[in-house]
């Protein structure tokens, strides 16, 4: 693939030179190793129901009068599927049960 013919740094440099706003998408290990991220204490760890403790990037906005509370980890895949299908499509419980039975939708238990 053409994108792999250059390094990330080379692509960013070329795109910026052409006036294209861009930036790298870094793996979490690189993000947490970044000096600015470390200095600002932007790593948080939240308990997750299946993965144990998961590292996440904190919100960069810091408001002294209203600090951010991180109450929940990212949801499990499909955690809100039934709620959304009920609310947006008005599907009754019988239809949701049929979709579950037919393995069209799953549960995140």
PDB file of N, CA and C in Angstrom:
ATOM      1  N   UNK A   1       0.825  -1.207   0.000  1.00  0.00           N
ATOM      2  CA  UNK A   1       0.000   0.000   0.000  1.00  0.00           C
ATOM      3  C   UNK A   1       0.865   1.266   0.000  1.00  0.00           C
ATOM      4  N   UNK A   2       0.445   2.270  -0.721  1.00  0.00           N
ATOM      5  CA  UNK A   2       1.234   3.503  -0.833  1.00  0.00           C
ATOM      6  C   UNK A   2       1.557   4.158   0.513  1.00  0.00           C
ATOM      7  N   UNK A   3       0.644   4.082   1.468  1.00  0.00           N
ATOM      8  CA  UNK A   3       0.899   4.747   2.753  1.00  0.00           C
ATOM      9  C   UNK A   3       2.078   4.122   3.493  1.00  0.00           C
ATOM     10  N   UNK A   4       2.383   2.887   3.226  1.00  0.00           N
ATOM     11  CA  UNK A   4       3.484   2.205   3.918  1.00  0.00           C
ATOM     12  C   UNK A   4       4.832   2.437   3.249  1.00  0.00           C
ATOM     13  N   UNK A   5       4.849   3.202   2.172  1.00  0.00           N
ATOM     14  CA  UNK A   5       6.098   3.459   1.472  1.00  0.00           C
ATOM     15  C   UNK A   5       6.903   4.573   2.131  1.00  0.00           C
ATOM     16  N   UNK A   6       6.290   5.277   3.082  1.00  0.00           N
ATOM     17  CA  UNK A   6       6.977   6.341   3.826  1.00  0.00           C
ATOM     18  C   UNK A   6       6.693   6.158   5.310  1.00  0.00           C
ATOM     19  N   UNK A   7       7.519   6.797   6.110  1.00  0.00           N
ATOM     20  CA  UNK A   7       7.277   6.775   7.552  1.00  0.00           C
ATOM     21  C   UNK A   7       6.155   7.748   7.894  1.00  0.00           C
ATOM     22  N   UNK A   8       5.612   7.592   9.081  1.00  0.00           N
ATOM     23  CA  UNK A   8       4.580   8.523   9.554  1.00  0.00           C
ATOM     24  C   UNK A   8       5.115   9.943   9.530  1.00  0.00           C
ATOM     25  N   UNK A   9       6.334  10.115  10.036  1.00  0.00           N
ATOM     26  CA  UNK A   9       6.943  11.451  10.078  1.00  0.00           C
ATOM     27  C   UNK A   9       7.050  12.046   8.668  1.00  0.00           C
ATOM     28  N   UNK A  10       7.459  11.236   7.703  1.00  0.00           N
ATOM     29  CA  UNK A  10       7.595  11.731   6.324  1.00  0.00           C
ATOM     30  C   UNK A  10       6.240  12.141   5.755  1.00  0.00           C
ATOM     31  N   UNK A  11       5.190  11.372   6.035  1.00  0.00           N
ATOM     32  CA  UNK A  11       3.857  11.736   5.554  1.00  0.00           C
ATOM     33  C   UNK A  11       3.374  13.037   6.188  1.00  0.00           C
ATOM     34  N   UNK A  12       3.548  13.160   7.488  1.00  0.00           N
ATOM     35  CA  UNK A  12       3.111  14.382   8.171  1.00  0.00           C
ATOM     36  C   UNK A  12       3.843  15.584   7.595  1.00  0.00           C
ATOM     37  N   UNK A  13       5.141  15.447   7.410  1.00  0.00           N
ATOM     38  CA  UNK A  13       5.943  16.536   6.850  1.00  0.00           C
ATOM     39  C   UNK A  13       5.453  16.920   5.449  1.00  0.00           C
ATOM     40  N   UNK A  14       5.221  15.932   4.589  1.00  0.00           N
ATOM     41  CA  UNK A  14       4.777  16.198   3.213  1.00  0.00           C
ATOM     42  C   UNK A  14       3.381  16.813   3.181  1.00  0.00           C
ATOM     43  N   UNK A  15       2.485  16.296   3.993  1.00  0.00           N
ATOM     44  CA  UNK A  15       1.118  16.826   4.013  1.00  0.00           C
ATOM     45  C   UNK A  15       1.081  18.251   4.564  1.00  0.00           C
ATOM     46  N   UNK A  16       1.840  18.500   5.630  1.00  0.00           N
ATOM     47  CA  UNK A  16       1.887  19.861   6.180  1.00  0.00           C
ATOM     48  C   UNK A  16       2.475  20.836   5.163  1.00  0.00           C
ATOM     49  N   UNK A  17       3.500  20.408   4.431  1.00  0.00           N
ATOM     50  CA  UNK A  17       4.106  21.263   3.405  1.00  0.00           C
ATOM     51  C   UNK A  17       3.098  21.599   2.311  1.00  0.00           C
ATOM     52  N   UNK A  18       2.142  20.703   2.079  1.00  0.00           N
ATOM     53  CA  UNK A  18       1.108  20.936   1.064  1.00  0.00           C
ATOM     54  C   UNK A  18      -0.101  21.666   1.643  1.00  0.00           C
ATOM     55  N   UNK A  19      -0.012  22.070   2.917  1.00  0.00           N
ATOM     56  CA  UNK A  19      -1.106  22.812   3.536  1.00  0.00           C
ATOM     57  C   UNK A  19      -2.246  21.943   4.040  1.00  0.00           C
ATOM     58  N   UNK A  20      -1.988  20.654   4.192  1.00  0.00           N
ATOM     59  CA  UNK A  20      -3.028  19.736   4.669  1.00  0.00           C
ATOM     60  C   UNK A  20      -2.879  19.568   6.180  1.00  0.00           C
ATOM     61  N   UNK A  21      -3.893  19.975   6.954  1.00  0.00           N
ATOM     62  CA  UNK A  21      -3.805  19.761   8.397  1.00  0.00           C
ATOM     63  C   UNK A  21      -3.811  18.256   8.685  1.00  0.00           C
ATOM     64  N   UNK A  22      -2.889  17.808   9.493  1.00  0.00           N
ATOM     65  CA  UNK A  22      -2.808  16.376   9.766  1.00  0.00           C
ATOM     66  C   UNK A  22      -2.024  16.119  11.040  1.00  0.00           C
ATOM     67  N   UNK A  23      -2.051  14.907  11.451  1.00  0.00           N
ATOM     68  CA  UNK A  23      -1.274  14.470  12.596  1.00  0.00           C
ATOM     69  C   UNK A  23      -1.300  12.961  12.639  1.00  0.00           C
ATOM     70  N   UNK A  24      -0.339  12.375  13.308  1.00  0.00           N
ATOM     71  CA  UNK A  24      -0.293  10.915  13.365  1.00  0.00           C
ATOM     72  C   UNK A  24      -1.369  10.354  14.288  1.00  0.00           C
ATOM     73  N   UNK A  25      -1.760   9.129  14.025  1.00  0.00           N
ATOM     74  CA  UNK A  25      -2.616   8.388  14.943  1.00  0.00           C
ATOM     75  C   UNK A  25      -1.685   7.411  15.648  1.00  0.00           C
ATOM     76  N   UNK A  26      -1.463   7.656  16.918  1.00  0.00           N
ATOM     77  CA  UNK A  26      -0.478   6.891  17.663  1.00  0.00           C
ATOM     78  C   UNK A  26      -1.099   5.744  18.448  1.00  0.00           C
ATOM     79  N   UNK A  27      -0.368   4.629  18.559  1.00  0.00           N
ATOM     80  CA  UNK A  27      -0.832   3.575  19.459  1.00  0.00           C
ATOM     81  C   UNK A  27      -0.767   4.087  20.902  1.00  0.00           C
ATOM     82  N   UNK A  28      -1.587   3.511  21.785  1.00  0.00           N
ATOM     83  CA  UNK A  28      -1.654   4.009  23.160  1.00  0.00           C
ATOM     84  C   UNK A  28      -0.301   4.024  23.851  1.00  0.00           C
ATOM     85  N   UNK A  29       0.557   3.047  23.591  1.00  0.00           N
ATOM     86  CA  UNK A  29       1.881   3.049  24.226  1.00  0.00           C
ATOM     87  C   UNK A  29       2.644   4.318  23.870  1.00  0.00           C
ATOM     88  N   UNK A  30       2.578   4.732  22.595  1.00  0.00           N
ATOM     89  CA  UNK A  30       3.253   5.963  22.170  1.00  0.00           C
ATOM     90  C   UNK A  30       2.586   7.191  22.776  1.00  0.00           C
ATOM     91  N   UNK A  31       1.269   7.179  22.853  1.00  0.00           N
ATOM     92  CA  UNK A  31       0.544   8.313  23.443  1.00  0.00           C
ATOM     93  C   UNK A  31       0.987   8.509  24.888  1.00  0.00           C
ATOM     94  N   UNK A  32       0.988   7.430  25.663  1.00  0.00           N
ATOM     95  CA  UNK A  32       1.317   7.543  27.081  1.00  0.00           C
ATOM     96  C   UNK A  32       2.797   7.818  27.320  1.00  0.00           C
ATOM     97  N   UNK A  33       3.652   7.556  26.334  1.00  0.00           N
ATOM     98  CA  UNK A  33       5.075   7.859  26.456  1.00  0.00           C
ATOM     99  C   UNK A  33       5.383   9.304  26.083  1.00  0.00           C
ATOM    100  N   UNK A  34       4.442   9.998  25.457  1.00  0.00           N
ATOM    101  CA  UNK A  34       4.655  11.381  25.030  1.00  0.00           C
ATOM    102  C   UNK A  34       4.914  12.267  26.245  1.00  0.00           C
ATOM    103  N   UNK A  35       5.969  13.081  26.216  1.00  0.00           N
ATOM    104  CA  UNK A  35       6.298  13.922  27.372  1.00  0.00           C
ATOM    105  C   UNK A  35       5.163  14.868  27.785  1.00  0.00           C
ATOM    106  N   UNK A  36       4.462  15.434  26.828  1.00  0.00           N
ATOM    107  CA  UNK A  36       3.381  16.364  27.165  1.00  0.00           C
ATOM    108  C   UNK A  36       2.214  15.630  27.824  1.00  0.00           C
ATOM    109  N   UNK A  37       1.895  14.455  27.327  1.00  0.00           N
ATOM    110  CA  UNK A  37       0.821  13.651  27.919  1.00  0.00           C
ATOM    111  C   UNK A  37       1.190  13.274  29.349  1.00  0.00           C
ATOM    112  N   UNK A  38       2.447  12.884  29.553  1.00  0.00           N
ATOM    113  CA  UNK A  38       2.913  12.522  30.900  1.00  0.00           C
ATOM    114  C   UNK A  38       2.890  13.737  31.823  1.00  0.00           C
ATOM    115  N   UNK A  39       3.374  14.868  31.331  1.00  0.00           N
ATOM    116  CA  UNK A  39       3.418  16.089  32.144  1.00  0.00           C
ATOM    117  C   UNK A  39       2.019  16.518  32.586  1.00  0.00           C
ATOM    118  N   UNK A  40       1.054  16.401  31.696  1.00  0.00           N
ATOM    119  CA  UNK A  40      -0.309  16.829  32.016  1.00  0.00           C
ATOM    120  C   UNK A  40      -1.118  15.760  32.740  1.00  0.00           C
ATOM    121  N   UNK A  41      -0.528  14.594  32.969  1.00  0.00           N
ATOM    122  CA  UNK A  41      -1.231  13.532  33.683  1.00  0.00           C
ATOM    123  C   UNK A  41      -2.488  13.091  32.961  1.00  0.00           C
ATOM    124  N   UNK A  42      -2.366  12.876  31.656  1.00  0.00           N
ATOM    125  CA  UNK A  42      -3.553  12.585  30.853  1.00  0.00           C
ATOM    126  C   UNK A  42      -3.873  11.100  30.735  1.00  0.00           C
ATOM    127  N   UNK A  43      -3.158  10.263  31.454  1.00  0.00           N
ATOM    128  CA  UNK A  43      -3.511   8.840  31.467  1.00  0.00           C
ATOM    129  C   UNK A  43      -4.394   8.580  32.680  1.00  0.00           C
ATOM    130  N   UNK A  44      -5.508   7.920  32.431  1.00  0.00           N
ATOM    131  CA  UNK A  44      -6.355   7.466  33.529  1.00  0.00           C
ATOM    132  C   UNK A  44      -6.573   5.969  33.342  1.00  0.00           C
ATOM    133  N   UNK A  45      -6.789   5.279  34.430  1.00  0.00           N
ATOM    134  CA  UNK A  45      -7.074   3.848  34.378  1.00  0.00           C
ATOM    135  C   UNK A  45      -8.437   3.624  35.005  1.00  0.00           C
ATOM    136  N   UNK A  46      -9.314   2.966  34.265  1.00  0.00           N
ATOM    137  CA  UNK A  46     -10.657   2.679  34.772  1.00  0.00           C
ATOM    138  C   UNK A  46     -10.883   1.172  34.797  1.00  0.00           C
ATOM    139  N   UNK A  47     -11.635   0.698  35.795  1.00  0.00           N
ATOM    140  CA  UNK A  47     -11.954  -0.727  35.826  1.00  0.00           C
ATOM    141  C   UNK A  47     -12.934  -1.070  34.704  1.00  0.00           C
ATOM    142  N   UNK A  48     -12.704  -2.195  34.067  1.00  0.00           N
ATOM    143  CA  UNK A  48     -13.560  -2.652  32.973  1.00  0.00           C
ATOM    144  C   UNK A  48     -14.093  -4.032  33.335  1.00  0.00           C
ATOM    145  N   UNK A  49     -15.366  -4.316  33.016  1.00  0.00           N
ATOM    146  CA  UNK A  49     -15.962  -5.582  33.445  1.00  0.00           C
ATOM    147  C   UNK A  49     -15.310  -6.842  32.872  1.00  0.00           C
ATOM    148  N   UNK A  50     -14.652  -6.738  31.728  1.00  0.00           N
ATOM    149  CA  UNK A  50     -14.021  -7.936  31.158  1.00  0.00           C
ATOM    150  C   UNK A  50     -12.517  -7.798  30.970  1.00  0.00           C
ATOM    151  N   UNK A  51     -11.999  -6.590  30.915  1.00  0.00           N
ATOM    152  CA  UNK A  51     -10.581  -6.385  30.618  1.00  0.00           C
ATOM    153  C   UNK A  51      -9.753  -5.997  31.835  1.00  0.00           C
ATOM    154  N   UNK A  52     -10.356  -5.963  33.005  1.00  0.00           N
ATOM    155  CA  UNK A  52      -9.617  -5.508  34.182  1.00  0.00           C
ATOM    156  C   UNK A  52      -9.487  -4.000  34.146  1.00  0.00           C
ATOM    157  N   UNK A  53      -8.310  -3.508  34.456  1.00  0.00           N
ATOM    158  CA  UNK A  53      -8.063  -2.065  34.420  1.00  0.00           C
ATOM    159  C   UNK A  53      -7.618  -1.680  33.013  1.00  0.00           C
ATOM    160  N   UNK A  54      -8.280  -0.680  32.422  1.00  0.00           N
ATOM    161  CA  UNK A  54      -7.915  -0.258  31.069  1.00  0.00           C
ATOM    162  C   UNK A  54      -7.390   1.173  31.089  1.00  0.00           C
ATOM    163  N   UNK A  55      -6.261   1.413  30.399  1.00  0.00           N
ATOM    164  CA  UNK A  55      -5.727   2.769  30.317  1.00  0.00           C
ATOM    165  C   UNK A  55      -6.492   3.568  29.268  1.00  0.00           C
ATOM    166  N   UNK A  56      -6.827   4.803  29.610  1.00  0.00           N
ATOM    167  CA  UNK A  56      -7.543   5.691  28.698  1.00  0.00           C
ATOM    168  C   UNK A  56      -6.890   7.062  28.706  1.00  0.00           C
ATOM    169  N   UNK A  57      -7.136   7.828  27.662  1.00  0.00           N
ATOM    170  CA  UNK A  57      -6.642   9.199  27.586  1.00  0.00           C
ATOM    171  C   UNK A  57      -7.677  10.102  28.238  1.00  0.00           C
ATOM    172  N   UNK A  58      -7.234  10.900  29.188  1.00  0.00           N
ATOM    173  CA  UNK A  58      -8.126  11.816  29.892  1.00  0.00           C
ATOM    174  C   UNK A  58      -8.505  12.988  28.992  1.00  0.00           C
ATOM    175  N   UNK A  59      -9.561  13.665  29.371  1.00  0.00           N
ATOM    176  CA  UNK A  59      -9.982  14.865  28.659  1.00  0.00           C
ATOM    177  C   UNK A  59      -8.902  15.938  28.835  1.00  0.00           C
ATOM    178  N   UNK A  60      -8.442  16.572  27.757  1.00  0.00           N
ATOM    179  CA  UNK A  60      -7.397  17.583  27.890  1.00  0.00           C
ATOM    180  C   UNK A  60      -7.889  18.892  28.503  1.00  0.00           C
ATOM    181  N   UNK A  61      -9.194  19.084  28.559  1.00  0.00           N
ATOM    182  CA  UNK A  61      -9.745  20.323  29.111  1.00  0.00           C
ATOM    183  C   UNK A  61      -9.814  20.198  30.622  1.00  0.00           C
ATOM    184  N   UNK A  62      -9.198  21.144  31.308  1.00  0.00           N
ATOM    185  CA  UNK A  62      -9.181  21.130  32.768  1.00  0.00           C
ATOM    186  C   UNK A  62      -9.866  22.396  33.275  1.00  0.00           C
ATOM    187  N   UNK A  63     -10.973  22.231  33.979  1.00  0.00           N
ATOM    188  CA  UNK A  63     -11.699  23.353  34.557  1.00  0.00           C
ATOM    189  C   UNK A  63     -11.666  23.199  36.069  1.00  0.00           C
ATOM    190  N   UNK A  64     -11.024  24.136  36.758  1.00  0.00           N
ATOM    191  CA  UNK A  64     -10.846  24.024  38.204  1.00  0.00           C
ATOM    192  C   UNK A  64     -12.177  23.969  38.941  1.00  0.00           C
ATOM    193  N   UNK A  65     -13.157  24.741  38.487  1.00  0.00           N
ATOM    194  CA  UNK A  65     -14.438  24.812  39.196  1.00  0.00           C
ATOM    195  C   UNK A  65     -15.343  23.612  38.911  1.00  0.00           C
ATOM    196  N   UNK A  66     -15.063  22.886  37.846  1.00  0.00           N
ATOM    197  CA  UNK A  66     -15.901  21.720  37.540  1.00  0.00           C
ATOM    198  C   UNK A  66     -15.033  20.596  36.969  1.00  0.00           C
ATOM    199  N   UNK A  67     -14.324  19.905  37.854  1.00  0.00           N
ATOM    200  CA  UNK A  67     -13.459  18.821  37.380  1.00  0.00           C
ATOM    201  C   UNK A  67     -14.273  17.681  36.764  1.00  0.00           C
ATOM    202  N   UNK A  68     -13.666  17.011  35.826  1.00  0.00           N
ATOM    203  CA  UNK A  68     -14.328  15.906  35.137  1.00  0.00           C
ATOM    204  C   UNK A  68     -14.260  14.660  36.006  1.00  0.00           C
ATOM    205  N   UNK A  69     -15.384  13.966  36.098  1.00  0.00           N
ATOM    206  CA  UNK A  69     -15.423  12.697  36.809  1.00  0.00           C
ATOM    207  C   UNK A  69     -15.564  11.586  35.778  1.00  0.00           C
ATOM    208  N   UNK A  70     -14.666  10.644  35.839  1.00  0.00           N
ATOM    209  CA  UNK A  70     -14.703   9.507  34.925  1.00  0.00           C
ATOM    210  C   UNK A  70     -15.412   8.371  35.651  1.00  0.00           C
ATOM    211  N   UNK A  71     -16.676   8.184  35.322  1.00  0.00           N
ATOM    212  CA  UNK A  71     -17.508   7.247  36.071  1.00  0.00           C
ATOM    213  C   UNK A  71     -17.580   5.861  35.457  1.00  0.00           C
ATOM    214  N   UNK A  72     -17.333   5.743  34.178  1.00  0.00           N
ATOM    215  CA  UNK A  72     -17.531   4.445  33.544  1.00  0.00           C
ATOM    216  C   UNK A  72     -16.503   4.211  32.445  1.00  0.00           C
ATOM    217  N   UNK A  73     -16.122   2.957  32.255  1.00  0.00           N
ATOM    218  CA  UNK A  73     -15.213   2.624  31.155  1.00  0.00           C
ATOM    219  C   UNK A  73     -15.988   2.599  29.839  1.00  0.00           C
ATOM    220  N   UNK A  74     -15.304   2.400  28.724  1.00  0.00           N
ATOM    221  CA  UNK A  74     -16.019   2.263  27.453  1.00  0.00           C
ATOM    222  C   UNK A  74     -17.005   1.100  27.538  1.00  0.00           C
ATOM    223  N   UNK A  75     -18.152   1.223  26.891  1.00  0.00           N
ATOM    224  CA  UNK A  75     -19.138   0.134  26.957  1.00  0.00           C
ATOM    225  C   UNK A  75     -18.660  -1.096  26.188  1.00  0.00           C
ATOM    226  N   UNK A  76     -19.203  -2.223  26.569  1.00  0.00           N
ATOM    227  CA  UNK A  76     -18.934  -3.458  25.838  1.00  0.00           C
ATOM    228  C   UNK A  76     -19.634  -3.403  24.485  1.00  0.00           C
ATOM    229  N   UNK A  77     -19.117  -4.132  23.526  1.00  0.00           N
ATOM    230  CA  UNK A  77     -19.728  -4.196  22.206  1.00  0.00           C
ATOM    231  C   UNK A  77     -21.161  -4.694  22.336  1.00  0.00           C
ATOM    232  N   UNK A  78     -22.095  -3.917  21.835  1.00  0.00           N
ATOM    233  CA  UNK A  78     -23.506  -4.296  21.879  1.00  0.00           C
ATOM    234  C   UNK A  78     -24.222  -3.927  23.158  1.00  0.00           C
ATOM    235  N   UNK A  79     -23.543  -3.236  24.061  1.00  0.00           N
ATOM    236  CA  UNK A  79     -24.135  -2.928  25.369  1.00  0.00           C
ATOM    237  C   UNK A  79     -25.438  -2.146  25.263  1.00  0.00           C
ATOM    238  N   UNK A  80     -25.568  -1.310  24.252  1.00  0.00           N
ATOM    239  CA  UNK A  80     -26.750  -0.454  24.144  1.00  0.00           C
ATOM    240  C   UNK A  80     -27.624  -0.783  22.934  1.00  0.00           C
ATOM    241  N   UNK A  81     -27.330  -1.877  22.256  1.00  0.00           N
ATOM    242  CA  UNK A  81     -28.054  -2.216  21.027  1.00  0.00           C
ATOM    243  C   UNK A  81     -29.559  -2.276  21.241  1.00  0.00           C
ATOM    244  N   UNK A  82     -29.988  -3.042  22.231  1.00  0.00           N
ATOM    245  CA  UNK A  82     -31.429  -3.213  22.433  1.00  0.00           C
ATOM    246  C   UNK A  82     -32.094  -1.901  22.844  1.00  0.00           C
ATOM    247  N   UNK A  83     -31.429  -1.150  23.691  1.00  0.00           N
ATOM    248  CA  UNK A  83     -31.956   0.154  24.117  1.00  0.00           C
ATOM    249  C   UNK A  83     -32.148   1.079  22.909  1.00  0.00           C
ATOM    250  N   UNK A  84     -31.179   1.077  22.011  1.00  0.00           N
ATOM    251  CA  UNK A  84     -31.250   1.931  20.819  1.00  0.00           C
ATOM    252  C   UNK A  84     -32.345   1.451  19.867  1.00  0.00           C
ATOM    253  N   UNK A  85     -32.434   0.139  19.669  1.00  0.00           N
ATOM    254  CA  UNK A  85     -33.470  -0.392  18.774  1.00  0.00           C
ATOM    255  C   UNK A  85     -34.868  -0.117  19.320  1.00  0.00           C
ATOM    256  N   UNK A  86     -35.006  -0.147  20.639  1.00  0.00           N
ATOM    257  CA  UNK A  86     -36.301   0.187  21.254  1.00  0.00           C
ATOM    258  C   UNK A  86     -36.612   1.670  21.059  1.00  0.00           C
ATOM    259  N   UNK A  87     -35.643   2.525  21.400  1.00  0.00           N
ATOM    260  CA  UNK A  87     -35.877   3.973  21.400  1.00  0.00           C
ATOM    261  C   UNK A  87     -36.011   4.551  19.990  1.00  0.00           C
ATOM    262  N   UNK A  88     -35.138   4.157  19.084  1.00  0.00           N
ATOM    263  CA  UNK A  88     -35.136   4.773  17.752  1.00  0.00           C
ATOM    264  C   UNK A  88     -36.064   4.087  16.759  1.00  0.00           C
ATOM    265  N   UNK A  89     -36.176   2.778  16.860  1.00  0.00           N
ATOM    266  CA  UNK A  89     -37.009   2.052  15.897  1.00  0.00           C
ATOM    267  C   UNK A  89     -38.324   1.577  16.487  1.00  0.00           C
ATOM    268  N   UNK A  90     -38.461   1.736  17.793  1.00  0.00           N
ATOM    269  CA  UNK A  90     -39.696   1.324  18.445  1.00  0.00           C
ATOM    270  C   UNK A  90     -39.937  -0.178  18.422  1.00  0.00           C
ATOM    271  N   UNK A  91     -38.864  -0.963  18.365  1.00  0.00           N
ATOM    272  CA  UNK A  91     -39.043  -2.418  18.314  1.00  0.00           C
ATOM    273  C   UNK A  91     -39.569  -2.946  19.646  1.00  0.00           C
ATOM    274  N   UNK A  92     -40.594  -3.781  19.585  1.00  0.00           N
ATOM    275  CA  UNK A  92     -41.123  -4.371  20.821  1.00  0.00           C
ATOM    276  C   UNK A  92     -40.203  -5.491  21.321  1.00  0.00           C
ATOM    277  N   UNK A  93     -40.376  -5.876  22.571  1.00  0.00           N
ATOM    278  CA  UNK A  93     -39.547  -6.914  23.185  1.00  0.00           C
ATOM    279  C   UNK A  93     -39.597  -8.224  22.405  1.00  0.00           C
ATOM    280  N   UNK A  94     -40.756  -8.561  21.848  1.00  0.00           N
ATOM    281  CA  UNK A  94     -40.881  -9.807  21.083  1.00  0.00           C
ATOM    282  C   UNK A  94     -39.939  -9.808  19.874  1.00  0.00           C
ATOM    283  N   UNK A  95     -39.866  -8.671  19.192  1.00  0.00           N
ATOM    284  CA  UNK A  95     -38.987  -8.564  18.022  1.00  0.00           C
ATOM    285  C   UNK A  95     -37.526  -8.631  18.452  1.00  0.00           C
ATOM    286  N   UNK A  96     -37.190  -7.965  19.556  1.00  0.00           N
ATOM    287  CA  UNK A  96     -35.816  -8.023  20.060  1.00  0.00           C
ATOM    288  C   UNK A  96     -35.450  -9.458  20.431  1.00  0.00           C
ATOM    289  N   UNK A  97     -36.380 -10.177  21.042  1.00  0.00           N
ATOM    290  CA  UNK A  97     -36.133 -11.577  21.405  1.00  0.00           C
ATOM    291  C   UNK A  97     -35.890 -12.416  20.151  1.00  0.00           C
ATOM    292  N   UNK A  98     -36.681 -12.175  19.105  1.00  0.00           N
ATOM    293  CA  UNK A  98     -36.490 -12.914  17.854  1.00  0.00           C
ATOM    294  C   UNK A  98     -35.118 -12.618  17.256  1.00  0.00           C
ATOM    295  N   UNK A  99     -34.720 -11.334  17.274  1.00  0.00           N
ATOM    296  CA  UNK A  99     -33.409 -10.951  16.742  1.00  0.00           C
ATOM    297  C   UNK A  99     -32.279 -11.603  17.543  1.00  0.00           C
ATOM    298  N   UNK A 100     -32.450 -11.677  18.861  1.00  0.00           N
ATOM    299  CA  UNK A 100     -31.450 -12.360  19.696  1.00  0.00           C
ATOM    300  C   UNK A 100     -31.404 -13.852  19.361  1.00  0.00           C
ATOM    301  N   UNK A 101     -32.579 -14.469  19.277  1.00  0.00           N
ATOM    302  CA  UNK A 101     -32.658 -15.911  18.984  1.00  0.00           C
ATOM    303  C   UNK A 101     -32.049 -16.256  17.624  1.00  0.00           C
ATOM    304  N   UNK A 102     -32.201 -15.348  16.661  1.00  0.00           N
ATOM    305  CA  UNK A 102     -31.654 -15.562  15.317  1.00  0.00           C
ATOM    306  C   UNK A 102     -30.198 -15.098  15.198  1.00  0.00           C
ATOM    307  N   UNK A 103     -29.611 -14.684  16.324  1.00  0.00           N
ATOM    308  CA  UNK A 103     -28.222 -14.189  16.367  1.00  0.00           C
ATOM    309  C   UNK A 103     -27.987 -12.979  15.466  1.00  0.00           C
ATOM    310  N   UNK A 104     -29.025 -12.183  15.276  1.00  0.00           N
ATOM    311  CA  UNK A 104     -28.882 -10.930  14.531  1.00  0.00           C
ATOM    312  C   UNK A 104     -28.262  -9.883  15.444  1.00  0.00           C
ATOM    313  N   UNK A 105     -28.697  -9.871  16.691  1.00  0.00           N
ATOM    314  CA  UNK A 105     -28.095  -9.003  17.700  1.00  0.00           C
ATOM    315  C   UNK A 105     -27.631  -9.899  18.836  1.00  0.00           C
ATOM    316  N   UNK A 106     -26.683  -9.400  19.587  1.00  0.00           N
ATOM    317  CA  UNK A 106     -26.163 -10.178  20.704  1.00  0.00           C
ATOM    318  C   UNK A 106     -26.379  -9.456  22.010  1.00  0.00           C
ATOM    319  N   UNK A 107     -25.903 -10.074  23.026  1.00  0.00           N
ATOM    320  CA  UNK A 107     -25.912  -9.447  24.344  1.00  0.00           C
ATOM    321  C   UNK A 107     -24.473  -9.377  24.804  1.00  0.00           C
ATOM    322  N   UNK A 108     -24.200  -8.508  25.705  1.00  0.00           N
ATOM    323  CA  UNK A 108     -22.820  -8.338  26.162  1.00  0.00           C
ATOM    324  C   UNK A 108     -22.632  -8.921  27.552  1.00  0.00           C
ATOM    325  N   UNK A 109     -23.311  -9.996  27.844  1.00  0.00           N
ATOM    326  CA  UNK A 109     -23.195 -10.608  29.170  1.00  0.00           C
ATOM    327  C   UNK A 109     -21.903 -11.368  29.315  1.00  0.00           C
TER     328      UNK A 109
END
